[in-house]
Amino acid sequence: MPLFRIGRHVIASRISPAKFIGPFVSMITLAMVLVMLLTGRIHLSSLDMDALAGQLGSEQDPLVTAVPVRLEPATPRIDDRIRIATFNVTLWDDSKAADPNVMQTLAAIISNFDLVAIQGIRSVRSQPIAQAIDLLNRNGNTYQSLVSEPIGGPTRMEQYAFVWDAKRLRNLPDTCYVIRDDADRMVREPFVSSFETRIQAAAGFVPFRFTVINANIDGREVDMAQTMAELTVLNDVFLRVREFEYRARGEQDIMLVGTLNTDARNLGELGQVPGILSLAGTQPTLTRGDGAVDHMLIDRTVTSEFTGRYGIVDFQRDYGLTLPQALMISEHRPVWAEFNASERAPQ
């Protein structure tokens, strides 16, 4: 039996109004693939990664140079590019959702992006996300969301979410699942889904399609030994999701985003994946400025759509907050990157 299987139970919500959709992975297009996966005919634990690397692209240096950018609040988005972010909103529970100042600031932050992968939600009713979507859409926006089921042990139960601007992105049907960790090697299994740009593609190109693995190794509740063990498992997750998505849908562009509880120098086996690049690197991502634990990982040999522009949002500075006020928002800063809205060939 493979270590990881596609999870069967995920809660989906497209809130406007809120709707919750039950089990996801029942789609016709992947039925045969899933049958083979679950019956052992596809063994994700025995991938030929050298052959896969040959299929997905060579290991050349990227043509673009990554440049950190300060993103001013409400900076207009460029028509032919999208911004993707990851944001761990620490302990985003119903009490935090009841604070109008906190929620207004969170909505303002999210509104700068086309897609935000969110960690840290602690509300089985998904109330924080429902309220955020309502705030985002009061001015004519059309943000939507997907929210996972609660994941983790009794004291570590949290939800993941994807929030996106439906005018500029669409969530691809039947692509959302939770990684199942049968050996219980992770505190919270990652949440996965795929997206495609709605923006008019450049002449001769097709819309950019990509898959995001939303992960959270919670540094407040695990020690460094467990962090390194979970990073080893995340290495398997990245490779196996990449193989599954490529074989199931021909998808090449895979991003692993979220809180990994260490900086880019200590990602273990995950940091050794050929072509892997952490866009945050060793820059502080904690609100206090004392740690680099949040990441956006891409395979630079495949995801040529990355424009080289990325950044970390210092919302305390941007919104004129005191440190205590900023910590009420989150202990983490969002990490973001910019991508072309049209598919580009691998480097």
C-alpha atoms as a PDB file:
ATOM      1  CA  MET A   1       0.000   0.000   0.000  1.00  0.00           C
ATOM      2  CA  PRO A   2       1.445   3.410  -0.908  1.00  0.00           C
ATOM      3  CA  LEU A   3       2.234   5.772   1.950  1.00  0.00           C
ATOM      4  CA  PHE A   4       0.044   8.516   0.493  1.00  0.00           C
ATOM      5  CA  ARG A   5      -3.359   8.235  -1.108  1.00  0.00           C
ATOM      6  CA  ILE A   6      -5.716  10.855  -2.382  1.00  0.00           C
ATOM      7  CA  GLY A   7      -7.944  11.903   0.509  1.00  0.00           C
ATOM      8  CA  ARG A   8     -11.649  11.162   0.169  1.00  0.00           C
ATOM      9  CA  HIS A   9     -13.158  13.837   2.404  1.00  0.00           C
ATOM     10  CA  VAL A  10     -12.616  17.523   1.741  1.00  0.00           C
ATOM     11  CA  ILE A  11     -15.055  20.361   2.367  1.00  0.00           C
ATOM     12  CA  ALA A  12     -15.266  22.846  -0.500  1.00  0.00           C
ATOM     13  CA  SER A  13     -16.831  26.258  -0.294  1.00  0.00           C
ATOM     14  CA  ARG A  14     -17.488  28.844  -2.929  1.00  0.00           C
ATOM     15  CA  ILE A  15     -18.758  31.506  -0.587  1.00  0.00           C
ATOM     16  CA  SER A  16     -21.038  34.001  -2.326  1.00  0.00           C
ATOM     17  CA  PRO A  17     -23.151  32.609  -0.818  1.00  0.00           C
ATOM     18  CA  ALA A  18     -21.340  29.908   1.180  1.00  0.00           C
ATOM     19  CA  LYS A  19     -21.678  26.415  -0.178  1.00  0.00           C
ATOM     20  CA  PHE A  20     -20.050  23.249   1.036  1.00  0.00           C
ATOM     21  CA  ILE A  21     -19.453  20.367  -1.291  1.00  0.00           C
ATOM     22  CA  GLY A  22     -18.686  16.906   0.070  1.00  0.00           C
ATOM     23  CA  PRO A  23     -16.243  14.292  -1.215  1.00  0.00           C
ATOM     24  CA  PHE A  24     -14.198  15.570  -4.139  1.00  0.00           C
ATOM     25  CA  VAL A  25     -12.283  12.847  -5.834  1.00  0.00           C
ATOM     26  CA  SER A  26     -15.199  11.236  -7.660  1.00  0.00           C
ATOM     27  CA  MET A  27     -14.537  12.855 -11.004  1.00  0.00           C
ATOM     28  CA  ILE A  28     -15.033  10.933 -14.190  1.00  0.00           C
ATOM     29  CA  THR A  29     -11.865  12.235 -15.832  1.00  0.00           C
ATOM     30  CA  LEU A  30      -9.649  10.765 -13.120  1.00  0.00           C
ATOM     31  CA  ALA A  31     -11.669   7.663 -12.326  1.00  0.00           C
ATOM     32  CA  MET A  32      -9.335   5.279 -14.074  1.00  0.00           C
ATOM     33  CA  VAL A  33      -6.248   6.914 -12.598  1.00  0.00           C
ATOM     34  CA  LEU A  34      -7.692   6.755  -9.088  1.00  0.00           C
ATOM     35  CA  VAL A  35      -8.708   3.127  -9.480  1.00  0.00           C
ATOM     36  CA  MET A  36      -5.168   2.269 -10.499  1.00  0.00           C
ATOM     37  CA  LEU A  37      -3.795   4.347  -7.634  1.00  0.00           C
ATOM     38  CA  LEU A  38      -5.982   2.807  -4.948  1.00  0.00           C
ATOM     39  CA  THR A  39      -5.577  -0.751  -6.226  1.00  0.00           C
ATOM     40  CA  GLY A  40      -1.815  -0.463  -6.310  1.00  0.00           C
ATOM     41  CA  ARG A  41      -1.430  -0.322 -10.074  1.00  0.00           C
ATOM     42  CA  ILE A  42       0.183   3.090  -9.651  1.00  0.00           C
ATOM     43  CA  HIS A  43       2.684   3.046  -6.800  1.00  0.00           C
ATOM     44  CA  LEU A  44       3.558   6.574  -5.833  1.00  0.00           C
ATOM     45  CA  SER A  45       6.286   5.221  -3.571  1.00  0.00           C
ATOM     46  CA  SER A  46       8.266   3.803  -6.502  1.00  0.00           C
ATOM     47  CA  LEU A  47       8.518   6.696  -8.945  1.00  0.00           C
ATOM     48  CA  ASP A  48      11.203   6.950 -11.569  1.00  0.00           C
ATOM     49  CA  MET A  49      12.117  10.537 -10.737  1.00  0.00           C
ATOM     50  CA  ASP A  50      15.020  10.630 -13.210  1.00  0.00           C
ATOM     51  CA  ALA A  51      12.643   9.782 -16.031  1.00  0.00           C
ATOM     52  CA  LEU A  52      10.119  12.283 -14.710  1.00  0.00           C
ATOM     53  CA  ALA A  53      12.753  15.024 -14.661  1.00  0.00           C
ATOM     54  CA  GLY A  54      13.437  14.256 -18.296  1.00  0.00           C
ATOM     55  CA  GLN A  55       9.737  14.620 -19.078  1.00  0.00           C
ATOM     56  CA  LEU A  56       9.274  17.841 -17.149  1.00  0.00           C
ATOM     57  CA  GLY A  57      12.322  19.837 -18.180  1.00  0.00           C
ATOM     58  CA  SER A  58      16.089  20.192 -17.954  1.00  0.00           C
ATOM     59  CA  GLU A  59      18.101  21.515 -15.018  1.00  0.00           C
ATOM     60  CA  GLN A  60      19.248  24.789 -16.545  1.00  0.00           C
ATOM     61  CA  ASP A  61      19.460  28.028 -14.610  1.00  0.00           C
ATOM     62  CA  PRO A  62      16.353  30.210 -14.948  1.00  0.00           C
ATOM     63  CA  LEU A  63      16.453  33.040 -17.447  1.00  0.00           C
ATOM     64  CA  VAL A  64      14.993  35.466 -14.910  1.00  0.00           C
ATOM     65  CA  THR A  65      16.654  36.770 -11.778  1.00  0.00           C
ATOM     66  CA  ALA A  66      14.559  36.792  -8.626  1.00  0.00           C
ATOM     67  CA  VAL A  67      14.158  40.346  -7.348  1.00  0.00           C
ATOM     68  CA  PRO A  68      12.455  41.160  -4.031  1.00  0.00           C
ATOM     69  CA  VAL A  69       9.802  43.851  -4.447  1.00  0.00           C
ATOM     70  CA  ARG A  70       7.935  45.932  -1.879  1.00  0.00           C
ATOM     71  CA  LEU A  71       4.277  45.633  -2.749  1.00  0.00           C
ATOM     72  CA  GLU A  72       2.473  48.794  -1.710  1.00  0.00           C
ATOM     73  CA  PRO A  73      -1.110  48.253  -0.493  1.00  0.00           C
ATOM     74  CA  ALA A  74      -3.696  48.380  -3.294  1.00  0.00           C
ATOM     75  CA  THR A  75      -1.030  48.270  -6.027  1.00  0.00           C
ATOM     76  CA  PRO A  76      -2.940  47.661  -9.293  1.00  0.00           C
ATOM     77  CA  ARG A  77      -2.520  44.201 -10.756  1.00  0.00           C
ATOM     78  CA  ILE A  78      -0.982  43.851 -14.202  1.00  0.00           C
ATOM     79  CA  ASP A  79      -3.347  42.454 -16.847  1.00  0.00           C
ATOM     80  CA  ASP A  80      -1.058  39.688 -18.117  1.00  0.00           C
ATOM     81  CA  ARG A  81       0.368  38.622 -14.754  1.00  0.00           C
ATOM     82  CA  ILE A  82      -0.985  37.106 -11.549  1.00  0.00           C
ATOM     83  CA  ARG A  83       0.103  37.346  -7.923  1.00  0.00           C
ATOM     84  CA  ILE A  84       0.041  34.238  -5.741  1.00  0.00           C
ATOM     85  CA  ALA A  85       0.599  34.387  -1.985  1.00  0.00           C
ATOM     86  CA  THR A  86       0.795  32.125   1.051  1.00  0.00           C
ATOM     87  CA  PHE A  87      -0.366  33.424   4.428  1.00  0.00           C
ATOM     88  CA  ASN A  88      -0.461  31.674   7.794  1.00  0.00           C
ATOM     89  CA  VAL A  89      -3.131  33.623   9.683  1.00  0.00           C
ATOM     90  CA  THR A  90      -2.230  32.434  13.163  1.00  0.00           C
ATOM     91  CA  LEU A  91      -5.148  30.986  15.131  1.00  0.00           C
ATOM     92  CA  TRP A  92      -7.797  32.434  12.816  1.00  0.00           C
ATOM     93  CA  ASP A  93     -10.755  31.420  14.946  1.00  0.00           C
ATOM     94  CA  ASP A  94     -14.239  32.832  15.500  1.00  0.00           C
ATOM     95  CA  SER A  95     -13.023  35.325  18.112  1.00  0.00           C
ATOM     96  CA  LYS A  96     -10.480  36.797  15.706  1.00  0.00           C
ATOM     97  CA  ALA A  97     -13.174  36.854  13.028  1.00  0.00           C
ATOM     98  CA  ALA A  98     -15.336  38.908  15.407  1.00  0.00           C
ATOM     99  CA  ASP A  99     -12.777  41.740  15.514  1.00  0.00           C
ATOM    100  CA  PRO A 100     -13.717  44.186  12.714  1.00  0.00           C
ATOM    101  CA  ASN A 101     -10.284  45.861  12.651  1.00  0.00           C
ATOM    102  CA  VAL A 102      -8.512  42.535  12.253  1.00  0.00           C
ATOM    103  CA  MET A 103     -10.899  41.376   9.545  1.00  0.00           C
ATOM    104  CA  GLN A 104     -10.704  44.643   7.596  1.00  0.00           C
ATOM    105  CA  THR A 105      -6.912  44.426   7.591  1.00  0.00           C
ATOM    106  CA  LEU A 106      -6.906  40.766   6.561  1.00  0.00           C
ATOM    107  CA  ALA A 107      -9.332  41.506   3.716  1.00  0.00           C
ATOM    108  CA  ALA A 108      -7.157  44.434   2.606  1.00  0.00           C
ATOM    109  CA  ILE A 109      -4.063  42.201   2.545  1.00  0.00           C
ATOM    110  CA  ILE A 110      -5.780  39.391   0.631  1.00  0.00           C
ATOM    111  CA  SER A 111      -7.202  41.847  -1.929  1.00  0.00           C
ATOM    112  CA  ASN A 112      -3.694  42.484  -3.274  1.00  0.00           C
ATOM    113  CA  PHE A 113      -3.511  38.956  -4.685  1.00  0.00           C
ATOM    114  CA  ASP A 114      -5.171  36.751  -7.266  1.00  0.00           C
ATOM    115  CA  LEU A 115      -4.754  33.625  -5.130  1.00  0.00           C
ATOM    116  CA  VAL A 116      -3.894  33.184  -1.451  1.00  0.00           C
ATOM    117  CA  ALA A 117      -3.146  29.812   0.151  1.00  0.00           C
ATOM    118  CA  ILE A 118      -4.120  30.212   3.806  1.00  0.00           C
ATOM    119  CA  GLN A 119      -3.085  28.201   6.850  1.00  0.00           C
ATOM    120  CA  GLY A 120      -4.077  28.510  10.513  1.00  0.00           C
ATOM    121  CA  ILE A 121      -7.909  28.489  10.367  1.00  0.00           C
ATOM    122  CA  ARG A 122      -9.517  27.159  13.548  1.00  0.00           C
ATOM    123  CA  SER A 123     -13.248  27.178  12.939  1.00  0.00           C
ATOM    124  CA  VAL A 124     -15.116  24.058  11.873  1.00  0.00           C
ATOM    125  CA  ARG A 125     -17.847  26.274  10.411  1.00  0.00           C
ATOM    126  CA  SER A 126     -15.314  28.155   8.240  1.00  0.00           C
ATOM    127  CA  GLN A 127     -16.750  31.401   9.594  1.00  0.00           C
ATOM    128  CA  PRO A 128     -13.510  33.413   9.248  1.00  0.00           C
ATOM    129  CA  ILE A 129     -13.266  32.653   5.532  1.00  0.00           C
ATOM    130  CA  ALA A 130     -16.964  33.339   4.973  1.00  0.00           C
ATOM    131  CA  GLN A 131     -16.600  36.753   6.609  1.00  0.00           C
ATOM    132  CA  ALA A 132     -13.427  37.551   4.676  1.00  0.00           C
ATOM    133  CA  ILE A 133     -15.117  36.693   1.374  1.00  0.00           C
ATOM    134  CA  ASP A 134     -18.046  38.926   2.294  1.00  0.00           C
ATOM    135  CA  LEU A 135     -15.700  41.841   3.045  1.00  0.00           C
ATOM    136  CA  LEU A 136     -13.706  41.274  -0.141  1.00  0.00           C
ATOM    137  CA  ASN A 137     -16.807  41.230  -2.337  1.00  0.00           C
ATOM    138  CA  ARG A 138     -18.619  44.265  -0.940  1.00  0.00           C
ATOM    139  CA  ASN A 139     -16.981  46.494  -3.550  1.00  0.00           C
ATOM    140  CA  GLY A 140     -17.899  44.387  -6.544  1.00  0.00           C
ATOM    141  CA  ASN A 141     -15.141  41.780  -6.344  1.00  0.00           C
ATOM    142  CA  THR A 142     -15.886  38.111  -6.984  1.00  0.00           C
ATOM    143  CA  TYR A 143     -13.582  36.243  -4.628  1.00  0.00           C
ATOM    144  CA  GLN A 144     -14.275  32.561  -4.008  1.00  0.00           C
ATOM    145  CA  SER A 145     -12.801  29.977  -1.671  1.00  0.00           C
ATOM    146  CA  LEU A 146     -12.129  26.335  -0.972  1.00  0.00           C
ATOM    147  CA  VAL A 147     -11.808  25.227   2.650  1.00  0.00           C
ATOM    148  CA  SER A 148     -10.491  21.860   3.816  1.00  0.00           C
ATOM    149  CA  GLU A 149     -11.997  19.701   6.480  1.00  0.00           C
ATOM    150  CA  PRO A 150     -10.350  20.098   9.928  1.00  0.00           C
ATOM    151  CA  ILE A 151      -6.970  18.357   9.847  1.00  0.00           C
ATOM    152  CA  GLY A 152      -4.674  17.340  12.733  1.00  0.00           C
ATOM    153  CA  GLY A 153      -4.908  15.894  16.220  1.00  0.00           C
ATOM    154  CA  PRO A 154      -7.385  17.041  18.882  1.00  0.00           C
ATOM    155  CA  THR A 155      -5.188  19.946  20.051  1.00  0.00           C
ATOM    156  CA  ARG A 156      -3.783  20.758  16.589  1.00  0.00           C
ATOM    157  CA  MET A 157      -6.917  20.750  14.467  1.00  0.00           C
ATOM    158  CA  GLU A 158      -6.811  23.405  11.749  1.00  0.00           C
ATOM    159  CA  GLN A 159      -8.149  24.017   8.271  1.00  0.00           C
ATOM    160  CA  TYR A 160      -6.497  25.165   5.071  1.00  0.00           C
ATOM    161  CA  ALA A 161      -8.097  27.441   2.507  1.00  0.00           C
ATOM    162  CA  PHE A 162      -7.574  28.772  -0.993  1.00  0.00           C
ATOM    163  CA  VAL A 163      -9.045  32.211  -1.713  1.00  0.00           C
ATOM    164  CA  TRP A 164      -8.940  33.530  -5.276  1.00  0.00           C
ATOM    165  CA  ASP A 165     -10.225  36.309  -7.527  1.00  0.00           C
ATOM    166  CA  ALA A 166     -12.714  34.544  -9.801  1.00  0.00           C
ATOM    167  CA  LYS A 167     -12.410  37.273 -12.443  1.00  0.00           C
ATOM    168  CA  ARG A 168      -8.753  36.364 -12.969  1.00  0.00           C
ATOM    169  CA  LEU A 169      -8.494  32.705 -11.955  1.00  0.00           C
ATOM    170  CA  ARG A 170     -10.685  29.642 -11.978  1.00  0.00           C
ATOM    171  CA  ASN A 171     -10.391  26.580  -9.791  1.00  0.00           C
ATOM    172  CA  LEU A 172     -10.190  23.507 -12.007  1.00  0.00           C
ATOM    173  CA  PRO A 173     -13.069  21.112 -11.266  1.00  0.00           C
ATOM    174  CA  ASP A 174     -12.367  17.960  -9.281  1.00  0.00           C
ATOM    175  CA  THR A 175      -8.737  18.800  -8.523  1.00  0.00           C
ATOM    176  CA  CYS A 176      -9.013  19.346  -4.767  1.00  0.00           C
ATOM    177  CA  TYR A 177      -7.823  16.717  -2.282  1.00  0.00           C
ATOM    178  CA  VAL A 178      -6.093  16.177   1.034  1.00  0.00           C
ATOM    179  CA  ILE A 179      -2.980  13.998   1.096  1.00  0.00           C
ATOM    180  CA  ARG A 180      -3.660  10.964   3.279  1.00  0.00           C
ATOM    181  CA  ASP A 181      -0.776   9.991   5.545  1.00  0.00           C
ATOM    182  CA  ASP A 182      -1.572   6.415   6.524  1.00  0.00           C
ATOM    183  CA  ALA A 183       1.557   6.141   8.674  1.00  0.00           C
ATOM    184  CA  ASP A 184       0.642   9.314  10.610  1.00  0.00           C
ATOM    185  CA  ARG A 185       4.007  10.943   9.953  1.00  0.00           C
ATOM    186  CA  MET A 186       2.630  14.473   9.694  1.00  0.00           C
ATOM    187  CA  VAL A 187       0.692  16.621  12.147  1.00  0.00           C
ATOM    188  CA  ARG A 188      -1.424  18.076   9.314  1.00  0.00           C
ATOM    189  CA  GLU A 189      -1.557  16.575   5.853  1.00  0.00           C
ATOM    190  CA  PRO A 190      -1.308  19.074   2.969  1.00  0.00           C
ATOM    191  CA  PHE A 191      -4.304  20.373   0.999  1.00  0.00           C
ATOM    192  CA  VAL A 192      -3.997  20.409  -2.807  1.00  0.00           C
ATOM    193  CA  SER A 193      -5.861  22.043  -5.681  1.00  0.00           C
ATOM    194  CA  SER A 194      -5.259  23.288  -9.227  1.00  0.00           C
ATOM    195  CA  PHE A 195      -6.035  26.594 -10.931  1.00  0.00           C
ATOM    196  CA  GLU A 196      -5.987  28.235 -14.351  1.00  0.00           C
ATOM    197  CA  THR A 197      -5.828  31.892 -15.332  1.00  0.00           C
ATOM    198  CA  ARG A 198      -8.930  33.486 -16.862  1.00  0.00           C
ATOM    199  CA  ILE A 199      -6.923  36.399 -18.234  1.00  0.00           C
ATOM    200  CA  GLN A 200      -6.690  36.542 -22.021  1.00  0.00           C
ATOM    201  CA  ALA A 201      -3.598  34.557 -22.938  1.00  0.00           C
ATOM    202  CA  ALA A 202      -0.970  36.124 -25.161  1.00  0.00           C
ATOM    203  CA  ALA A 203      -1.188  35.273 -28.851  1.00  0.00           C
ATOM    204  CA  GLY A 204       0.057  31.749 -29.441  1.00  0.00           C
ATOM    205  CA  PHE A 205      -0.084  30.817 -25.734  1.00  0.00           C
ATOM    206  CA  VAL A 206      -2.564  29.046 -23.482  1.00  0.00           C
ATOM    207  CA  PRO A 207      -3.622  30.064 -19.949  1.00  0.00           C
ATOM    208  CA  PHE A 208      -1.210  29.286 -17.111  1.00  0.00           C
ATOM    209  CA  ARG A 209      -2.308  26.173 -15.199  1.00  0.00           C
ATOM    210  CA  PHE A 210      -0.720  25.126 -11.927  1.00  0.00           C
ATOM    211  CA  THR A 211      -1.188  23.007  -8.808  1.00  0.00           C
ATOM    212  CA  VAL A 212      -0.623  24.292  -5.263  1.00  0.00           C
ATOM    213  CA  ILE A 213       0.280  22.112  -2.269  1.00  0.00           C
ATOM    214  CA  ASN A 214      -0.797  24.003   0.867  1.00  0.00           C
ATOM    215  CA  ALA A 215       1.221  22.829   3.910  1.00  0.00           C
ATOM    216  CA  ASN A 216       1.764  23.789   7.538  1.00  0.00           C
ATOM    217  CA  ILE A 217       4.425  22.485   9.932  1.00  0.00           C
ATOM    218  CA  ASP A 218       3.426  24.330  13.089  1.00  0.00           C
ATOM    219  CA  GLY A 219       6.534  25.531  14.930  1.00  0.00           C
ATOM    220  CA  ARG A 220       4.580  26.249  18.101  1.00  0.00           C
ATOM    221  CA  GLU A 221       3.743  22.585  18.595  1.00  0.00           C
ATOM    222  CA  VAL A 222       6.635  20.555  17.184  1.00  0.00           C
ATOM    223  CA  ASP A 223      10.373  20.455  17.859  1.00  0.00           C
ATOM    224  CA  MET A 224      13.121  20.669  15.240  1.00  0.00           C
ATOM    225  CA  ALA A 225      13.559  16.890  15.048  1.00  0.00           C
ATOM    226  CA  GLN A 226       9.904  16.512  14.113  1.00  0.00           C
ATOM    227  CA  THR A 227      10.204  19.433  11.703  1.00  0.00           C
ATOM    228  CA  MET A 228      13.019  17.676   9.845  1.00  0.00           C
ATOM    229  CA  ALA A 229      11.052  14.427   9.825  1.00  0.00           C
ATOM    230  CA  GLU A 230       8.025  16.210   8.360  1.00  0.00           C
ATOM    231  CA  LEU A 231      10.200  17.940   5.762  1.00  0.00           C
ATOM    232  CA  THR A 232      11.382  14.510   4.637  1.00  0.00           C
ATOM    233  CA  VAL A 233       7.754  13.471   4.232  1.00  0.00           C
ATOM    234  CA  LEU A 234       6.982  16.722   2.383  1.00  0.00           C
ATOM    235  CA  ASN A 235       9.758  15.837  -0.037  1.00  0.00           C
ATOM    236  CA  ASP A 236       7.820  12.647  -0.809  1.00  0.00           C
ATOM    237  CA  VAL A 237       4.579  14.627  -1.039  1.00  0.00           C
ATOM    238  CA  PHE A 238       6.037  17.084  -3.555  1.00  0.00           C
ATOM    239  CA  LEU A 239       7.464  14.353  -5.789  1.00  0.00           C
ATOM    240  CA  ARG A 240       4.381  12.162  -5.639  1.00  0.00           C
ATOM    241  CA  VAL A 241       1.893  14.966  -6.217  1.00  0.00           C
ATOM    242  CA  ARG A 242       4.022  16.084  -9.150  1.00  0.00           C
ATOM    243  CA  GLU A 243       3.972  12.588 -10.612  1.00  0.00           C
ATOM    244  CA  PHE A 244       0.244  12.131  -9.971  1.00  0.00           C
ATOM    245  CA  GLU A 245      -0.693  15.480 -11.514  1.00  0.00           C
ATOM    246  CA  TYR A 246       1.543  14.912 -14.540  1.00  0.00           C
ATOM    247  CA  ARG A 247       0.114  11.480 -15.248  1.00  0.00           C
ATOM    248  CA  ALA A 248      -3.475  12.434 -14.465  1.00  0.00           C
ATOM    249  CA  ARG A 249      -3.692  15.835 -16.130  1.00  0.00           C
ATOM    250  CA  GLY A 250      -0.368  16.516 -17.808  1.00  0.00           C
ATOM    251  CA  GLU A 251       0.262  19.224 -15.195  1.00  0.00           C
ATOM    252  CA  GLN A 252       3.894  20.276 -14.762  1.00  0.00           C
ATOM    253  CA  ASP A 253       3.765  23.406 -12.598  1.00  0.00           C
ATOM    254  CA  ILE A 254       3.646  22.391  -8.929  1.00  0.00           C
ATOM    255  CA  MET A 255       4.126  24.828  -6.026  1.00  0.00           C
ATOM    256  CA  LEU A 256       4.552  23.841  -2.386  1.00  0.00           C
ATOM    257  CA  VAL A 257       3.641  26.762  -0.138  1.00  0.00           C
ATOM    258  CA  GLY A 258       3.108  27.396   3.553  1.00  0.00           C
ATOM    259  CA  THR A 259       4.849  27.334   6.924  1.00  0.00           C
ATOM    260  CA  LEU A 260       7.790  24.898   7.042  1.00  0.00           C
ATOM    261  CA  ASN A 261       9.257  25.971  10.426  1.00  0.00           C
ATOM    262  CA  THR A 262      12.769  26.557   9.054  1.00  0.00           C
ATOM    263  CA  ASP A 263      14.576  28.686   6.503  1.00  0.00           C
ATOM    264  CA  ALA A 264      15.765  27.714   3.032  1.00  0.00           C
ATOM    265  CA  ARG A 265      19.156  26.524   4.316  1.00  0.00           C
ATOM    266  CA  ASN A 266      17.590  23.715   6.343  1.00  0.00           C
ATOM    267  CA  LEU A 267      14.927  22.147   4.145  1.00  0.00           C
ATOM    268  CA  GLY A 268      16.610  18.725   4.212  1.00  0.00           C
ATOM    269  CA  GLU A 269      15.684  16.361   1.392  1.00  0.00           C
ATOM    270  CA  LEU A 270      13.022  18.778   0.197  1.00  0.00           C
ATOM    271  CA  GLY A 271      15.713  21.385  -0.426  1.00  0.00           C
ATOM    272  CA  GLN A 272      17.677  18.874  -2.503  1.00  0.00           C
ATOM    273  CA  VAL A 273      14.984  18.310  -5.135  1.00  0.00           C
ATOM    274  CA  PRO A 274      16.611  19.266  -8.473  1.00  0.00           C
ATOM    275  CA  GLY A 275      15.581  22.774  -9.482  1.00  0.00           C
ATOM    276  CA  ILE A 276      13.775  23.557  -6.217  1.00  0.00           C
ATOM    277  CA  LEU A 277      13.785  27.216  -5.243  1.00  0.00           C
ATOM    278  CA  SER A 278      12.400  28.906  -2.124  1.00  0.00           C
ATOM    279  CA  LEU A 279      11.282  32.380  -3.116  1.00  0.00           C
ATOM    280  CA  ALA A 280      11.464  33.612   0.496  1.00  0.00           C
ATOM    281  CA  GLY A 281      14.879  32.087   1.111  1.00  0.00           C
ATOM    282  CA  THR A 282      16.272  33.268   4.440  1.00  0.00           C
ATOM    283  CA  GLN A 283      14.351  36.552   4.624  1.00  0.00           C
ATOM    284  CA  PRO A 284      12.306  37.038   7.814  1.00  0.00           C
ATOM    285  CA  THR A 285       8.688  35.980   7.411  1.00  0.00           C
ATOM    286  CA  LEU A 286       7.638  36.193  11.048  1.00  0.00           C
ATOM    287  CA  THR A 287       5.876  39.391  12.083  1.00  0.00           C
ATOM    288  CA  ARG A 288       8.472  40.030  14.786  1.00  0.00           C
ATOM    289  CA  GLY A 289      11.164  39.779  12.112  1.00  0.00           C
ATOM    290  CA  ASP A 290      12.989  36.976  13.935  1.00  0.00           C
ATOM    291  CA  GLY A 291      12.475  33.932  11.707  1.00  0.00           C
ATOM    292  CA  ALA A 292      12.252  32.740   8.094  1.00  0.00           C
ATOM    293  CA  VAL A 293       9.731  29.915   8.223  1.00  0.00           C
ATOM    294  CA  ASP A 294       7.210  30.581   5.416  1.00  0.00           C
ATOM    295  CA  HIS A 295       7.964  29.569   1.846  1.00  0.00           C
ATOM    296  CA  MET A 296       6.856  29.363  -1.747  1.00  0.00           C
ATOM    297  CA  LEU A 297       8.745  26.485  -3.357  1.00  0.00           C
ATOM    298  CA  ILE A 298       8.783  26.101  -7.146  1.00  0.00           C
ATOM    299  CA  ASP A 299      10.768  23.972  -9.547  1.00  0.00           C
ATOM    300  CA  ARG A 300      12.615  26.692 -11.441  1.00  0.00           C
ATOM    301  CA  THR A 301      13.397  24.297 -14.320  1.00  0.00           C
ATOM    302  CA  VAL A 302       9.683  23.860 -15.010  1.00  0.00           C
ATOM    303  CA  THR A 303       7.782  26.913 -13.770  1.00  0.00           C
ATOM    304  CA  SER A 304       9.109  29.380 -16.305  1.00  0.00           C
ATOM    305  CA  GLU A 305       6.039  31.549 -15.701  1.00  0.00           C
ATOM    306  CA  PHE A 306       7.703  33.009 -12.590  1.00  0.00           C
ATOM    307  CA  THR A 307       8.626  36.574 -13.570  1.00  0.00           C
ATOM    308  CA  GLY A 308      11.330  37.004 -10.934  1.00  0.00           C
ATOM    309  CA  ARG A 309       9.263  39.402  -8.824  1.00  0.00           C
ATOM    310  CA  TYR A 310       8.426  38.294  -5.297  1.00  0.00           C
ATOM    311  CA  GLY A 311       8.163  39.761  -1.830  1.00  0.00           C
ATOM    312  CA  ILE A 312       7.218  39.472   1.828  1.00  0.00           C
ATOM    313  CA  VAL A 313       4.425  41.737   3.063  1.00  0.00           C
ATOM    314  CA  ASP A 314       5.337  43.713   6.182  1.00  0.00           C
ATOM    315  CA  PHE A 315       1.752  44.571   7.050  1.00  0.00           C
ATOM    316  CA  GLN A 316       2.769  46.215  10.327  1.00  0.00           C
ATOM    317  CA  ARG A 317       4.643  48.867   8.334  1.00  0.00           C
ATOM    318  CA  ASP A 318       2.208  49.003   5.425  1.00  0.00           C
ATOM    319  CA  TYR A 319      -0.887  49.546   7.555  1.00  0.00           C
ATOM    320  CA  GLY A 320       0.683  51.639  10.319  1.00  0.00           C
ATOM    321  CA  LEU A 321       0.178  49.093  13.101  1.00  0.00           C
ATOM    322  CA  THR A 322       1.910  48.704  16.434  1.00  0.00           C
ATOM    323  CA  LEU A 323       3.576  45.336  17.011  1.00  0.00           C
ATOM    324  CA  PRO A 324       0.767  44.149  19.332  1.00  0.00           C
ATOM    325  CA  GLN A 325      -1.796  45.176  16.701  1.00  0.00           C
ATOM    326  CA  ALA A 326       0.162  43.365  13.991  1.00  0.00           C
ATOM    327  CA  LEU A 327       0.407  40.208  16.109  1.00  0.00           C
ATOM    328  CA  MET A 328      -3.368  40.287  16.452  1.00  0.00           C
ATOM    329  CA  ILE A 329      -3.472  39.903  12.663  1.00  0.00           C
ATOM    330  CA  SER A 330      -0.914  37.099  12.517  1.00  0.00           C
ATOM    331  CA  GLU A 331       2.478  35.966  13.741  1.00  0.00           C
ATOM    332  CA  HIS A 332       3.404  35.430  10.082  1.00  0.00           C
ATOM    333  CA  ARG A 333       3.834  37.714   7.082  1.00  0.00           C
ATOM    334  CA  PRO A 334       2.480  36.753   3.651  1.00  0.00           C
ATOM    335  CA  VAL A 335       4.964  35.619   1.026  1.00  0.00           C
ATOM    336  CA  TRP A 336       4.020  36.311  -2.596  1.00  0.00           C
ATOM    337  CA  ALA A 337       5.324  35.915  -6.142  1.00  0.00           C
ATOM    338  CA  GLU A 338       4.318  37.075  -9.614  1.00  0.00           C
ATOM    339  CA  PHE A 339       3.719  34.778 -12.598  1.00  0.00           C
ATOM    340  CA  ASN A 340       2.903  35.262 -16.264  1.00  0.00           C
ATOM    341  CA  ALA A 341      -0.750  34.568 -17.018  1.00  0.00           C
ATOM    342  CA  SER A 342       0.190  32.474 -20.067  1.00  0.00           C
ATOM    343  CA  GLU A 343       2.045  29.178 -20.134  1.00  0.00           C
ATOM    344  CA  ARG A 344       5.737  29.370 -20.943  1.00  0.00           C
ATOM    345  CA  ALA A 345       7.951  26.501 -22.072  1.00  0.00           C
ATOM    346  CA  PRO A 346      10.276  25.021 -19.414  1.00  0.00           C
ATOM    347  CA  GLN A 347      13.752  26.540 -19.343  1.00  0.00           C
END
